[in-house]
């Protein structure tokens, strides 16, 4: 399942983002959220995605580059 991307101009993109607690970083709902972020990023053809770009006010970021059409000369990294 992919998440809805926030459009440019959304005030959340300019807000100070909240840190994630160590406890939240280790729970299953957060892990599922990160998996959804990766799915969303892949669907959009990106190589990175921040949580605020999907409407969540928290410091989380995913990145991956494996055969990305936008960056064909870059080496892959999981």
N, C-alpha and C. Protein backbone atom coordinates (compact mmCIF):
# COMPACT_ATOMS: atom_id res chain seq x y z
N UNK A 1 0.84 -1.18 0.00
CA UNK A 1 0.00 0.00 0.00
C UNK A 1 0.88 1.24 0.00
N UNK A 2 0.56 2.17 -0.89
CA UNK A 2 1.35 3.39 -0.91
C UNK A 2 0.63 4.51 -0.19
N UNK A 3 1.40 5.49 0.21
CA UNK A 3 0.88 6.64 0.94
C UNK A 3 0.66 7.80 -0.03
N UNK A 4 -0.15 8.76 0.37
CA UNK A 4 -0.41 9.93 -0.46
C UNK A 4 0.71 10.95 -0.26
N UNK A 5 1.27 11.42 -1.36
CA UNK A 5 2.33 12.41 -1.29
C UNK A 5 1.75 13.80 -1.05
N UNK A 6 2.45 14.58 -0.22
CA UNK A 6 2.06 15.96 0.08
C UNK A 6 2.58 16.84 -1.06
N UNK A 7 1.77 17.77 -1.49
CA UNK A 7 2.14 18.66 -2.60
C UNK A 7 2.93 19.87 -2.10
N UNK A 8 3.73 20.43 -2.99
CA UNK A 8 4.46 21.66 -2.68
C UNK A 8 3.46 22.73 -2.28
N UNK A 9 3.78 23.46 -1.23
CA UNK A 9 2.88 24.49 -0.72
C UNK A 9 2.18 24.07 0.56
N UNK A 10 2.20 22.77 0.86
CA UNK A 10 1.60 22.28 2.09
C UNK A 10 2.44 22.79 3.27
N UNK A 11 1.79 23.42 4.28
CA UNK A 11 2.54 23.99 5.41
C UNK A 11 3.37 22.97 6.18
N UNK A 12 3.01 21.71 6.15
CA UNK A 12 3.78 20.68 6.87
C UNK A 12 5.21 20.60 6.35
N UNK A 13 5.41 20.91 5.09
CA UNK A 13 6.75 20.83 4.52
C UNK A 13 7.69 21.92 5.05
N UNK A 14 7.15 22.94 5.70
CA UNK A 14 7.96 24.02 6.25
C UNK A 14 8.03 24.00 7.78
N UNK A 15 7.31 23.08 8.40
CA UNK A 15 7.29 23.00 9.87
C UNK A 15 8.53 22.30 10.39
N UNK A 16 8.86 22.62 11.64
CA UNK A 16 9.91 21.88 12.33
C UNK A 16 9.36 20.47 12.61
N UNK A 17 10.15 19.47 12.29
CA UNK A 17 9.70 18.08 12.40
C UNK A 17 10.08 17.50 13.76
N UNK A 18 9.20 16.69 14.31
CA UNK A 18 9.41 16.06 15.62
C UNK A 18 10.36 14.86 15.52
N UNK A 19 11.19 14.71 16.53
CA UNK A 19 12.07 13.55 16.61
C UNK A 19 11.27 12.31 16.96
N UNK A 20 11.82 11.17 16.64
CA UNK A 20 11.19 9.89 16.94
C UNK A 20 11.84 9.32 18.19
N UNK A 21 11.03 8.84 19.10
CA UNK A 21 11.58 8.24 20.32
C UNK A 21 12.23 6.90 19.99
N UNK A 22 13.16 6.47 20.82
CA UNK A 22 13.80 5.17 20.61
C UNK A 22 12.78 4.05 20.67
N UNK A 23 11.79 4.18 21.53
CA UNK A 23 10.75 3.16 21.66
C UNK A 23 9.93 3.07 20.37
N UNK A 24 9.52 4.21 19.83
CA UNK A 24 8.73 4.21 18.59
C UNK A 24 9.53 3.65 17.44
N UNK A 25 10.81 3.89 17.45
CA UNK A 25 11.69 3.41 16.39
C UNK A 25 11.77 1.89 16.35
N UNK A 26 11.36 1.21 17.41
CA UNK A 26 11.47 -0.24 17.48
C UNK A 26 10.12 -0.95 17.45
N UNK A 27 9.02 -0.24 17.19
CA UNK A 27 7.73 -0.92 17.22
C UNK A 27 7.24 -1.29 15.82
N UNK A 28 6.32 -2.23 15.76
CA UNK A 28 5.83 -2.75 14.48
C UNK A 28 5.07 -1.72 13.65
N UNK A 29 4.22 -0.88 14.25
CA UNK A 29 3.54 0.13 13.43
C UNK A 29 4.52 1.07 12.71
N UNK A 30 5.61 1.42 13.39
CA UNK A 30 6.59 2.30 12.76
C UNK A 30 7.31 1.56 11.62
N UNK A 31 7.64 0.31 11.82
CA UNK A 31 8.28 -0.49 10.77
C UNK A 31 7.35 -0.61 9.56
N UNK A 32 6.06 -0.80 9.80
CA UNK A 32 5.09 -0.87 8.71
C UNK A 32 5.01 0.47 7.98
N UNK A 33 5.04 1.56 8.73
CA UNK A 33 5.03 2.89 8.12
C UNK A 33 6.24 3.06 7.20
N UNK A 34 7.42 2.63 7.64
CA UNK A 34 8.62 2.74 6.82
C UNK A 34 8.49 1.91 5.55
N UNK A 35 7.90 0.73 5.66
CA UNK A 35 7.69 -0.11 4.47
C UNK A 35 6.75 0.57 3.49
N UNK A 36 5.72 1.23 4.01
CA UNK A 36 4.80 1.98 3.14
C UNK A 36 5.51 3.14 2.48
N UNK A 37 6.43 3.77 3.22
CA UNK A 37 7.20 4.86 2.64
C UNK A 37 8.06 4.36 1.48
N UNK A 38 8.69 3.20 1.65
CA UNK A 38 9.52 2.63 0.58
C UNK A 38 8.66 2.32 -0.64
N UNK A 39 7.49 1.73 -0.43
CA UNK A 39 6.58 1.44 -1.54
C UNK A 39 6.19 2.72 -2.28
N UNK A 40 5.87 3.75 -1.52
CA UNK A 40 5.49 5.04 -2.09
C UNK A 40 6.64 5.64 -2.90
N UNK A 41 7.84 5.59 -2.33
CA UNK A 41 9.02 6.12 -3.01
C UNK A 41 9.27 5.39 -4.32
N UNK A 42 9.19 4.07 -4.30
CA UNK A 42 9.40 3.28 -5.52
C UNK A 42 8.35 3.60 -6.57
N UNK A 43 7.10 3.71 -6.13
CA UNK A 43 6.00 4.01 -7.06
C UNK A 43 6.20 5.37 -7.73
N UNK A 44 6.77 6.33 -7.00
CA UNK A 44 7.00 7.68 -7.52
C UNK A 44 8.29 7.77 -8.33
N UNK A 45 9.08 6.70 -8.34
CA UNK A 45 10.34 6.71 -9.08
C UNK A 45 11.43 7.51 -8.41
N UNK A 46 11.33 7.68 -7.11
CA UNK A 46 12.33 8.45 -6.37
C UNK A 46 13.42 7.58 -5.78
N UNK A 47 14.38 8.24 -5.16
CA UNK A 47 15.45 7.53 -4.46
C UNK A 47 15.47 7.86 -2.98
N UNK A 48 14.60 8.75 -2.54
CA UNK A 48 14.51 9.12 -1.14
C UNK A 48 13.16 9.75 -0.84
N UNK A 49 12.72 9.58 0.40
CA UNK A 49 11.43 10.13 0.81
C UNK A 49 11.46 10.41 2.30
N UNK A 50 11.05 11.60 2.69
CA UNK A 50 10.96 11.98 4.10
C UNK A 50 9.52 11.84 4.57
N UNK A 51 9.35 11.57 5.86
CA UNK A 51 8.01 11.36 6.42
C UNK A 51 7.08 12.55 6.20
N UNK A 52 7.63 13.76 6.28
CA UNK A 52 6.75 14.92 6.08
C UNK A 52 6.23 15.01 4.64
N UNK A 53 6.88 14.34 3.71
CA UNK A 53 6.41 14.33 2.33
C UNK A 53 5.19 13.42 2.14
N UNK A 54 4.87 12.65 3.16
CA UNK A 54 3.65 11.83 3.13
C UNK A 54 2.72 12.24 4.27
N UNK A 55 2.92 13.45 4.79
CA UNK A 55 1.99 14.02 5.76
C UNK A 55 2.24 13.68 7.21
N UNK A 56 3.38 13.10 7.54
CA UNK A 56 3.70 12.74 8.93
C UNK A 56 4.73 13.71 9.48
N UNK A 57 4.45 14.29 10.63
CA UNK A 57 5.34 15.25 11.25
C UNK A 57 6.33 14.53 12.17
N UNK A 58 7.24 13.78 11.57
CA UNK A 58 8.26 13.07 12.34
C UNK A 58 9.52 12.91 11.49
N UNK A 59 10.65 12.80 12.19
CA UNK A 59 11.93 12.67 11.50
C UNK A 59 12.13 11.22 11.08
N UNK A 60 11.81 10.94 9.85
CA UNK A 60 12.05 9.61 9.28
C UNK A 60 12.35 9.81 7.80
N UNK A 61 13.26 9.01 7.28
CA UNK A 61 13.69 9.14 5.90
C UNK A 61 14.06 7.76 5.37
N UNK A 62 13.65 7.46 4.16
CA UNK A 62 14.05 6.22 3.51
C UNK A 62 14.74 6.58 2.20
N UNK A 63 15.70 5.76 1.80
CA UNK A 63 16.32 5.96 0.51
C UNK A 63 16.81 4.63 -0.04
N UNK A 64 16.84 4.57 -1.37
CA UNK A 64 17.25 3.35 -2.06
C UNK A 64 17.45 3.71 -3.52
N UNK A 65 18.42 3.09 -4.15
CA UNK A 65 18.62 3.30 -5.58
C UNK A 65 19.04 1.97 -6.19
N UNK A 66 18.15 1.38 -6.95
CA UNK A 66 18.44 0.12 -7.63
C UNK A 66 17.82 0.18 -9.01
N UNK A 67 18.62 0.47 -10.01
CA UNK A 67 18.13 0.54 -11.37
C UNK A 67 17.12 1.66 -11.57
N UNK A 68 17.34 2.79 -10.93
CA UNK A 68 16.41 3.90 -11.03
C UNK A 68 16.57 4.61 -12.37
N UNK A 69 15.48 4.78 -13.10
CA UNK A 69 15.51 5.41 -14.43
C UNK A 69 15.95 6.87 -14.37
N UNK A 70 15.67 7.54 -13.25
CA UNK A 70 16.04 8.95 -13.13
C UNK A 70 17.54 9.13 -12.91
N UNK A 71 18.21 8.10 -12.40
CA UNK A 71 19.64 8.19 -12.10
C UNK A 71 20.35 6.94 -12.64
N UNK A 72 20.36 6.77 -13.97
CA UNK A 72 20.89 5.53 -14.56
C UNK A 72 22.38 5.31 -14.35
N UNK A 73 23.16 6.37 -14.13
CA UNK A 73 24.61 6.20 -13.98
C UNK A 73 25.03 5.99 -12.54
N UNK A 74 24.11 6.09 -11.61
CA UNK A 74 24.46 5.93 -10.19
C UNK A 74 24.51 4.45 -9.82
N UNK A 75 25.49 4.08 -9.00
CA UNK A 75 25.53 2.69 -8.56
C UNK A 75 24.37 2.39 -7.61
N UNK A 76 23.89 1.16 -7.60
CA UNK A 76 22.76 0.83 -6.71
C UNK A 76 23.19 0.82 -5.24
N UNK A 77 22.25 1.20 -4.39
CA UNK A 77 22.43 1.04 -2.95
C UNK A 77 21.06 0.70 -2.36
N UNK A 78 21.03 -0.33 -1.50
CA UNK A 78 19.73 -0.74 -0.93
C UNK A 78 19.29 0.20 0.17
